[in-house]
Protein backbone atom coordinates (compact mmCIF):
# COMPACT_ATOMS: atom_id res chain seq x y z
CA MET A 1 0.00 0.00 0.00
CA SER A 2 1.37 3.44 -0.98
CA ASP A 3 1.93 6.08 1.70
CA ASN A 4 0.64 9.46 0.39
CA ILE A 5 1.85 11.24 3.50
CA ASN A 6 5.44 10.13 4.01
CA HIS A 7 6.40 8.63 0.67
CA PRO A 8 3.90 9.71 -2.03
CA GLU A 9 4.43 8.02 -5.38
CA HIS A 10 3.95 11.25 -7.34
CA TYR A 11 7.06 12.64 -5.67
CA GLN A 12 9.32 9.74 -6.70
CA ASN A 13 11.19 9.33 -9.99
CA ILE A 14 11.75 6.12 -11.90
CA ALA A 15 14.72 5.23 -9.73
CA GLY A 16 12.63 5.68 -6.60
CA VAL A 17 14.49 8.80 -5.51
CA GLU A 18 12.19 11.09 -3.55
CA ALA A 19 11.67 14.68 -4.63
CA ILE A 20 12.45 16.04 -1.17
CA ASP A 21 15.99 14.69 -1.42
CA ILE A 22 16.48 16.37 -4.79
CA LEU A 23 14.97 19.65 -3.60
CA ASN A 24 17.04 19.80 -0.44
CA ASP A 25 20.19 19.44 -2.47
CA VAL A 26 19.28 21.96 -5.20
CA VAL A 27 18.10 24.84 -2.97
CA LYS A 28 20.57 24.47 -0.09
CA ASP A 29 22.75 27.38 -1.21
CA LEU A 30 19.92 29.87 -1.91
CA PRO A 31 18.51 32.47 0.53
CA GLY A 32 15.11 31.76 2.06
CA LYS A 33 12.69 33.47 -0.37
CA ARG A 34 14.48 32.28 -3.50
CA ALA A 35 14.88 28.81 -2.06
CA ALA A 36 11.10 28.66 -1.54
CA MET A 37 10.41 29.85 -5.10
CA LEU A 38 12.76 27.32 -6.66
CA TRP A 39 11.51 24.57 -4.32
CA ASN A 40 7.91 25.07 -5.47
CA THR A 41 8.95 25.35 -9.12
CA LEU A 42 10.73 22.01 -9.02
CA LYS A 43 8.07 20.39 -6.85
CA TYR A 44 5.39 20.95 -9.49
CA LEU A 45 7.72 19.93 -12.31
CA LEU A 46 8.62 16.66 -10.59
CA ARG A 47 5.05 15.63 -9.92
CA PHE A 48 3.11 16.89 -12.95
CA GLN A 49 3.18 13.56 -14.87
CA LYS A 50 1.76 11.64 -11.92
CA LYS A 51 -0.66 14.18 -10.50
CA ASN A 52 -2.25 17.27 -12.09
CA GLY A 53 -0.65 17.43 -15.53
CA VAL A 54 -0.75 20.85 -17.23
CA GLU A 55 -2.14 22.51 -14.09
CA ASP A 56 1.07 21.66 -12.21
CA LEU A 57 3.18 22.97 -15.09
CA LYS A 58 1.35 26.28 -14.95
CA LYS A 59 1.93 26.48 -11.21
CA ALA A 60 5.61 25.78 -11.78
CA ARG A 61 5.71 28.57 -14.34
CA ASN A 62 4.19 31.03 -11.86
CA TYR A 63 6.81 30.29 -9.23
CA LEU A 64 9.57 30.47 -11.83
CA ASP A 65 8.26 33.92 -12.88
CA TYR A 66 8.42 35.02 -9.23
CA LEU A 67 12.03 33.81 -9.00
CA ILE A 68 13.02 35.53 -12.25
CA ALA A 69 11.38 38.80 -11.12
CA ASP A 70 13.24 38.65 -7.81
CA MET A 71 16.55 37.99 -9.55
CA ASP A 72 15.91 40.77 -12.07
CA ALA A 73 15.16 43.20 -9.26
CA VAL A 74 18.62 42.59 -7.85
CA CYS A 75 20.21 42.98 -11.27
CA ASP A 76 18.31 46.20 -11.85
CA ALA A 77 19.30 47.57 -8.49
CA ALA A 78 22.85 48.40 -9.60
CA GLU A 79 22.78 52.17 -9.26
CA LYS A 80 24.56 54.44 -11.74
CA LEU A 81 24.61 58.09 -12.79
CA TRP A 82 22.36 58.55 -15.81
CA ASP A 83 22.31 62.28 -16.44
CA THR A 84 23.03 65.76 -15.13
CA TRP A 85 20.62 68.69 -15.56
CA TYR A 86 20.99 72.39 -14.76
CA SER A 87 18.68 75.18 -13.59
CA ASN A 88 19.61 78.86 -13.18
CA GLU A 89 17.70 78.94 -9.90
CA TYR A 90 18.47 75.51 -8.43
CA GLY A 91 21.86 74.66 -9.89
CA ARG A 92 22.73 71.14 -10.96
CA VAL A 93 20.92 67.87 -10.31
CA TRP A 94 22.44 64.43 -10.79
CA ILE A 95 20.01 61.60 -11.71
CA PHE A 96 20.77 58.10 -10.43
CA ALA A 97 18.83 54.93 -11.23
CA GLY A 98 19.15 51.20 -11.65
CA THR A 99 19.97 49.36 -14.86
CA ASN A 100 16.37 49.55 -16.11
CA PRO A 101 14.91 52.77 -14.67
CA ASN A 102 11.46 52.69 -16.34
CA GLY A 103 11.22 56.42 -15.65
CA MET A 104 11.82 55.87 -11.91
CA PRO A 105 15.14 57.11 -10.45
CA THR A 106 16.61 55.78 -7.22
CA LYS A 107 17.81 59.20 -6.11
CA LEU A 108 18.46 62.76 -7.26
CA ILE A 109 21.40 64.73 -5.88
CA PHE A 110 20.96 68.51 -5.56
CA GLU A 111 23.42 71.23 -4.66
CA THR A 112 21.09 72.72 -2.04
CA LYS A 113 18.52 71.42 0.40
CA ASP A 114 15.99 73.96 -0.90
CA ALA A 115 16.24 72.44 -4.39
CA ALA A 116 15.65 68.91 -3.07
CA GLU A 117 12.66 70.04 -1.03
CA GLU A 118 11.25 72.01 -3.97
CA PHE A 119 11.43 68.97 -6.26
CA GLU A 120 9.60 66.91 -3.64
CA SER A 121 6.98 69.64 -3.24
CA VAL A 122 6.41 70.03 -7.00
CA LEU A 123 5.93 66.29 -7.46
CA TYR A 124 3.38 66.06 -4.66
CA ASN A 125 1.59 69.16 -5.95
CA ILE A 126 1.12 67.56 -9.37
CA ILE A 127 -0.41 64.50 -7.68
CA SER A 128 -2.71 66.70 -5.57
CA GLU A 129 -3.93 68.44 -8.73
CA GLY A 130 -5.40 65.14 -9.87
CA TYR A 131 -2.80 64.00 -12.40
CA THR A 132 -2.58 60.21 -12.22
CA GLU A 133 0.54 59.77 -14.33
CA PHE A 134 3.38 62.05 -15.26
CA SER A 135 7.13 61.93 -15.73
CA ILE A 136 10.24 63.04 -13.90
CA ALA A 137 10.87 65.31 -16.87
CA ASP A 138 7.50 67.01 -16.20
CA VAL A 139 8.58 67.79 -12.63
CA SER A 140 12.01 69.03 -13.73
CA LEU A 141 10.54 71.31 -16.38
CA GLU A 142 8.34 72.92 -13.71
CA MET A 143 11.62 73.84 -11.98
CA LYS A 144 13.06 75.10 -15.32
CA PHE A 145 15.89 72.59 -15.52
CA LYS A 146 17.77 72.78 -18.82
CA PHE A 147 18.72 69.70 -20.79
CA THR A 148 22.09 70.57 -22.30
CA LYS A 149 23.26 69.24 -25.65
CA GLY A 150 24.53 65.70 -25.37
CA ASN A 151 22.27 64.80 -22.47
CA LYS A 152 19.84 62.09 -23.32
CA TRP A 153 16.30 61.96 -22.05
CA ASN A 154 16.68 58.24 -21.70
CA ASN A 155 13.24 57.32 -20.45
CA TRP A 156 12.77 60.21 -18.02
CA ASP A 157 9.76 61.31 -20.03
CA ASP A 158 8.04 57.95 -19.44
CA LEU A 159 4.71 58.36 -17.62
CA VAL A 160 4.59 56.83 -14.14
CA TYR A 161 1.66 56.34 -11.74
CA TRP A 162 3.48 58.09 -8.88
CA ASP A 163 0.61 57.89 -6.40
CA ARG A 164 0.68 54.12 -6.77
CA VAL A 165 4.42 53.36 -6.77
CA LEU A 166 5.95 56.06 -4.54
CA ASP A 167 5.83 55.49 -0.81
CA SER A 168 7.85 58.49 0.42
CA PHE A 169 10.97 60.59 0.01
CA SER A 170 13.94 60.96 2.31
CA ILE A 171 16.63 63.66 2.15
CA ASN A 172 20.19 62.91 3.20
CA GLU A 173 23.14 65.31 3.34
CA ASP A 174 26.34 63.87 1.89
CA ASP A 175 29.56 65.79 1.26
CA GLY A 176 27.82 69.17 1.06
CA LYS A 177 25.13 67.95 -1.34
CA TYR A 178 21.59 66.72 -0.74
CA GLU A 179 20.26 63.33 -1.84
CA LEU A 180 16.54 63.07 -2.54
CA ILE A 181 15.95 59.33 -2.18
CA PHE A 182 12.87 57.70 -3.74
CA ASN A 183 11.31 55.12 -1.43
CA TYR A 184 9.13 52.90 -3.59
CA LYS A 185 6.33 50.62 -2.49
CA ALA A 186 6.91 46.89 -2.55
CA PRO A 187 6.40 45.45 -6.06
CA ASP A 188 3.13 43.75 -6.81
CA SER A 189 2.71 40.00 -6.74
CA ARG A 190 0.43 38.30 -9.23
CA ILE A 191 -1.76 35.30 -9.88
CA VAL A 192 -2.20 34.11 -13.46
CA TYR A 193 -5.44 32.54 -14.71
CA GLU A 194 -5.47 30.74 -18.05
CA SER A 195 -8.21 30.53 -20.67
CA ASN A 196 -8.22 28.78 -24.03
CA ASP A 197 -10.39 31.54 -25.48
CA LEU A 198 -9.08 34.69 -23.79
CA GLY A 199 -5.49 33.73 -23.06
CA SER A 200 -3.85 34.52 -19.74
CA VAL A 201 -5.23 36.99 -17.21
CA ASP A 202 -2.58 38.42 -14.87
CA VAL A 203 -4.05 39.78 -11.62
CA PHE A 204 -1.59 41.88 -9.59
CA TYR A 205 -1.88 42.66 -5.89
CA SER A 206 0.13 44.12 -3.05
CA ALA A 207 0.86 42.59 0.32
CA ASN A 208 -0.15 45.95 1.82
CA MET A 209 -3.70 45.62 0.52
CA HIS A 210 -6.66 43.76 1.99
CA PRO A 211 -7.14 40.22 0.56
CA GLY A 212 -9.33 40.27 -2.51
CA MET A 213 -8.21 43.71 -3.72
CA CYS A 214 -5.96 44.04 -6.73
CA THR A 215 -3.85 46.79 -8.25
CA THR A 216 -3.94 45.93 -11.96
CA ILE A 217 -5.27 43.22 -14.26
CA LEU A 218 -3.58 42.51 -17.60
CA PHE A 219 -5.53 40.99 -20.50
CA ASN A 220 -4.33 39.68 -23.85
CA SER A 221 -6.99 41.59 -25.76
CA ARG A 222 -9.11 44.71 -25.51
CA ALA A 223 -12.23 42.52 -25.88
CA ALA A 224 -11.31 40.47 -22.80
CA ARG A 225 -10.75 43.64 -20.77
CA LYS A 226 -14.09 45.01 -21.91
CA ARG A 227 -15.89 41.78 -20.92
CA PHE A 228 -14.34 41.95 -17.45
CA SER A 229 -15.17 45.64 -16.88
CA ASN A 230 -18.75 45.13 -18.13
CA SER A 231 -19.27 42.19 -15.77
CA PHE A 232 -17.67 44.10 -12.88
CA PHE A 233 -19.94 47.13 -13.32
CA LYS A 234 -22.99 44.90 -13.83
CA LYS A 235 -22.38 43.38 -10.41
CA LEU A 236 -21.55 46.77 -8.90
CA THR A 237 -24.75 48.42 -10.12
CA SER A 238 -27.11 45.46 -9.64
CA ALA A 239 -30.31 46.14 -7.69
CA THR A 240 -29.46 43.02 -5.69
CA TYR A 241 -25.85 44.08 -5.14
CA LYS A 242 -23.80 42.08 -2.65
CA PRO A 243 -20.04 41.74 -2.09
CA PHE A 244 -18.28 39.79 -4.81
CA SER A 245 -14.79 38.58 -5.60
CA ILE A 246 -12.42 38.99 -8.53
CA ARG A 247 -12.83 35.26 -9.15
CA ASP A 248 -16.62 35.78 -9.39
CA VAL A 249 -16.07 38.25 -12.23
CA LEU A 250 -13.52 36.01 -13.93
CA SER A 251 -15.98 33.13 -13.73
CA ASP A 252 -18.67 35.27 -15.38
CA ILE A 253 -16.41 35.81 -18.40
CA SER A 254 -15.61 32.08 -18.62
CA ILE A 255 -12.07 32.10 -17.22
CA PRO A 256 -11.36 28.60 -15.82
CA LEU A 257 -10.53 28.80 -12.11
CA PRO A 258 -8.41 26.33 -10.12
CA GLU A 259 -10.18 24.42 -7.39
CA GLU A 260 -7.89 25.66 -4.64
CA THR A 261 -8.72 29.09 -3.25
CA ASP A 262 -6.44 32.11 -3.41
CA CYS A 263 -6.60 35.71 -2.20
CA PHE A 264 -9.02 36.61 -5.03
CA SER A 265 -11.61 34.21 -3.64
CA GLU A 266 -12.27 36.84 -0.96
CA LYS A 267 -15.59 38.72 -1.29
CA VAL A 268 -15.06 42.49 -1.29
CA GLN A 269 -17.39 45.43 -0.55
CA TRP A 270 -16.49 47.16 -3.79
CA LYS A 271 -19.06 49.94 -3.33
CA ASP A 272 -17.26 51.08 -0.20
CA ILE A 273 -13.70 51.12 -1.58
CA PHE A 274 -13.72 51.29 -5.40
CA THR A 275 -13.76 54.52 -7.40
CA SER A 276 -12.76 53.84 -11.00
CA PHE A 277 -10.70 52.04 -13.62
CA ALA A 278 -7.92 53.44 -15.74
CA LEU A 279 -7.45 51.83 -19.13
CA THR A 280 -3.86 51.59 -20.31
CA LYS A 281 -1.47 49.31 -22.20
CA LYS A 282 1.44 47.59 -20.46
CA ASP A 283 3.90 45.07 -21.85
CA ARG A 284 1.76 44.78 -25.03
CA LYS A 285 -1.22 43.82 -22.91
CA TYR A 286 -4.41 45.68 -22.07
CA ALA A 287 -4.36 46.88 -18.47
CA LEU A 288 -7.22 47.64 -16.12
CA VAL A 289 -5.85 49.74 -13.24
CA PHE A 290 -7.95 49.86 -10.04
CA TYR A 291 -8.37 53.10 -8.07
CA TYR A 292 -9.59 53.07 -4.49
CA LYS A 293 -11.12 55.60 -2.12
CA ASP A 294 -8.25 55.44 0.33
CA SER A 295 -5.92 57.12 -2.15
CA SER A 296 -5.03 60.69 -1.24
CA THR A 297 -6.13 61.83 -4.66
CA GLU A 298 -9.45 60.02 -4.52
CA THR A 299 -10.95 61.17 -1.23
CA SER A 300 -11.28 64.80 -2.06
CA LYS A 301 -14.54 65.24 -0.21
CA ASN A 302 -14.08 69.01 0.13
CA ILE A 303 -13.35 69.75 -3.51
CA LYS A 304 -15.90 72.13 -4.99
CA THR A 305 -16.89 71.81 -8.62
CA ASP A 306 -15.94 74.78 -10.75
CA HIS A 307 -19.44 75.56 -11.90
CA GLY A 308 -18.81 76.72 -15.41
CA PRO A 309 -21.25 76.32 -18.30
CA CYS A 310 -23.40 73.21 -18.24
CA VAL A 311 -26.26 71.48 -20.01
CA ILE A 312 -29.02 69.90 -17.90
CA TYR A 313 -30.75 66.68 -18.95
CA GLU A 314 -33.95 65.56 -17.21
CA SER A 315 -35.32 62.11 -16.44
CA LYS A 316 -38.64 61.16 -14.80
CA ILE A 317 -36.88 58.10 -13.37
CA SER A 318 -33.32 59.30 -12.79
CA GLY A 319 -33.75 62.93 -11.76
CA HIS A 320 -31.50 65.32 -13.65
CA ALA A 321 -27.89 65.33 -14.79
CA GLU A 322 -25.80 68.51 -15.00
CA VAL A 323 -23.08 68.11 -17.66
CA TYR A 324 -20.29 70.68 -17.19
CA TYR A 325 -17.78 71.65 -19.84
CA SER A 326 -14.95 74.07 -20.56
CA MET A 327 -14.59 76.47 -23.48
CA ASN A 328 -10.93 75.39 -23.69
CA MET A 329 -11.77 71.75 -24.39
CA TYR A 330 -12.93 69.89 -27.46
CA ALA A 331 -16.58 69.91 -28.43
CA GLY A 332 -18.38 66.91 -26.98
CA THR A 333 -16.07 66.52 -23.97
CA CYS A 334 -17.09 67.42 -20.44
CA THR A 335 -15.29 68.18 -17.21
CA SER A 336 -17.81 66.52 -14.88
CA ILE A 337 -21.39 65.30 -14.60
CA VAL A 338 -23.46 65.87 -11.45
CA PHE A 339 -26.16 63.28 -10.70
CA THR A 340 -28.91 63.31 -8.08
CA SER A 341 -28.42 59.64 -7.12
CA GLU A 342 -25.49 57.29 -6.73
CA LEU A 343 -27.33 54.50 -8.57
CA VAL A 344 -27.83 56.67 -11.67
CA ARG A 345 -24.17 57.67 -11.63
CA ASP A 346 -23.20 53.99 -11.47
CA MET A 347 -25.57 53.28 -14.37
CA PHE A 348 -23.86 55.99 -16.42
CA ILE A 349 -20.42 54.49 -15.65
CA ALA A 350 -21.57 51.02 -16.66
CA ASN A 351 -23.13 52.30 -19.91
CA PHE A 352 -20.02 54.35 -20.70
CA PHE A 353 -17.67 51.39 -20.29
CA ASN A 354 -20.04 49.22 -22.31
CA LYS A 355 -19.70 51.62 -25.23
CA LEU A 356 -15.96 52.19 -24.85
CA GLY A 357 -15.10 49.53 -27.41
CA LYS A 358 -17.07 51.41 -30.09
CA LYS A 359 -15.22 53.65 -32.53
CA THR A 360 -17.14 56.77 -31.49
CA PHE A 361 -20.10 57.71 -29.31
CA SER A 362 -21.45 60.81 -27.59
CA ILE A 363 -22.32 61.82 -24.03
CA ARG A 364 -25.93 61.99 -25.22
CA ASP A 365 -25.75 58.33 -26.30
CA VAL A 366 -24.74 57.29 -22.78
CA LEU A 367 -27.35 59.50 -21.12
CA ALA A 368 -30.07 58.06 -23.38
CA ASP A 369 -29.13 54.55 -22.22
CA ALA A 370 -29.58 55.76 -18.63
CA ASN A 371 -33.20 56.86 -19.39
CA PHE A 372 -32.52 60.60 -19.68
CA ILE A 373 -34.72 62.60 -22.04
CA ILE A 374 -32.67 63.91 -24.95
CA PRO A 375 -34.03 67.19 -26.37
CA GLU A 376 -34.51 67.55 -30.11
CA ASP A 377 -32.35 70.68 -30.26
CA THR A 378 -28.66 69.94 -30.48
CA ASP A 379 -25.83 70.89 -28.16
CA THR A 380 -22.11 70.09 -28.05
CA PHE A 381 -22.78 66.73 -26.36
CA ILE A 382 -24.25 65.36 -29.57
CA VAL A 383 -20.70 65.19 -30.97
CA LYS A 384 -19.45 61.62 -31.24
CA LEU A 385 -15.89 61.12 -30.01
CA PRO A 386 -13.24 58.37 -29.99
CA TRP A 387 -13.40 58.05 -26.22
CA LYS A 388 -10.91 55.18 -26.02
CA ASP A 389 -8.27 57.63 -27.30
CA LEU A 390 -9.40 60.58 -25.16
CA PHE A 391 -10.48 59.05 -21.89
CA SER A 392 -8.24 57.99 -19.01
CA ARG A 393 -10.61 57.31 -16.09
CA PHE A 394 -13.40 58.60 -13.85
CA LYS A 395 -13.05 60.13 -10.38
CA PRO A 396 -16.38 59.70 -8.54
CA ARG A 397 -16.99 61.89 -5.47
CA THR A 398 -19.83 63.45 -3.51
CA GLU A 399 -20.57 67.14 -2.91
CA ASP A 400 -23.56 68.78 -1.18
CA GLY A 401 -25.59 65.58 -1.35
CA LYS A 402 -24.98 65.12 -5.09
CA TYR A 403 -22.95 62.47 -6.89
CA ILE A 404 -20.25 63.78 -9.16
CA LEU A 405 -18.29 62.06 -11.89
CA ASP A 406 -15.10 63.89 -12.85
CA PHE A 407 -13.57 63.02 -16.22
CA VAL A 408 -9.81 62.50 -16.46
CA TYR A 409 -8.33 62.70 -19.95
CA THR A 410 -5.00 61.67 -21.45
CA HIS A 411 -2.27 64.28 -21.33
CA LYS A 412 -1.63 63.93 -25.06
CA ILE A 413 -5.17 64.86 -25.96
CA LEU A 414 -5.32 67.77 -23.54
CA GLU A 415 -2.03 69.18 -24.77
CA SER A 416 -3.22 69.03 -28.36
CA ALA A 417 -6.44 70.76 -27.31
CA GLU A 418 -4.48 73.65 -25.82
CA ASN A 419 -2.64 74.15 -29.10
CA ASP A 420 -5.64 73.76 -31.41
CA ASP A 421 -8.11 76.33 -32.57
CA ASP A 422 -10.65 73.56 -33.02
CA ARG A 423 -12.33 73.61 -29.63
CA LEU A 424 -15.97 74.05 -28.73
CA ASN A 425 -18.12 74.64 -31.76
CA GLY A 426 -15.20 73.61 -33.93
CA GLU A 427 -16.53 71.84 -37.01
CA GLU A 428 -13.04 71.24 -38.37
CA TRP A 429 -12.08 69.44 -35.21
CA TYR A 430 -15.24 67.34 -35.43
CA ALA A 431 -14.27 66.37 -38.98
CA TYR A 432 -10.73 65.59 -37.77
CA PHE A 433 -12.04 62.56 -35.93
């Protein structure tokens, strides 16, 4: 009779050598975390033919990915001087980073403490203004640093989600100069789910977050991302809403789930913590970035809407919606929409994301789906736009008992708007799209 506890057959090779003896020998010279990663990789490889087949191979691949990421992090940690910039007011700054900076330096060295503190202040100010992603170059330009001939930008103009990756700064004095050290949050871990139809789905999370919450999900296609976001918002806005898990949503879009539970089996009160998605591309995949209410940029309860011009749409069922816009923005875009109920706002979000895969659509199209009465006379919100190119994310908030949806747009689009004459009432701009 086989002993599945002490001497399981699926952990023995043809010669009868037990896996534990092999593992002990292979990992003995590795530090604890890496030893565990390699141990689990080999464990699943050794048993896959006699136990779970392809499932074990996929598990082995996950642990191997963790090991590679950990090894890469060490390789990338080798710090070197990348560039030197100059400002008439603040003097020189030396930029240090690892081998693969990805727009994220390890430290900046300034000639004065005031310069280091000003850089820190400017970066935090940009975050507080609601910008979700920007570059080190953006911060440096605010301080009027000059990029002399021969200096390369490298990737310092790469956009980074600073509110998500930056934990804090520290300033150290060294040899009469001041080091502004970037303290980054721990890198995300991930769980990979496989589907024959939709490919892999990579769900990232942080050890600092509550179980069940995730930071980003990567999909192989835009269609898969759309199916997930539609299912998520359908559950979020359901009249019979109840807490649900990431695995519940994955199951709805026919992603096969392993029998064993993981952190994404946890049911989450999404209505209490979730604010919006950002849609981006990362590593040639389609990313869905999660934003939560505990972010310093998301809990702006005291922010007052700049009540500029607006168009009001009425609904016998949904109350009214005030759609605000700016004369400096493209026709058909809006700055925010004010709703009289949270449910109606959630309906608008769900309808908007449902249409996001279309080539163009208008604000009026989304409002019509939410049972608002659309007047026969036209206004700027009849203009159909390529929202997937314009739109970054929503920032929901409350103000004076009303439910507000702020629109966040891509920097590229906004910059082009500032330099165009084709703004509101601009027929040429409308034809441009």
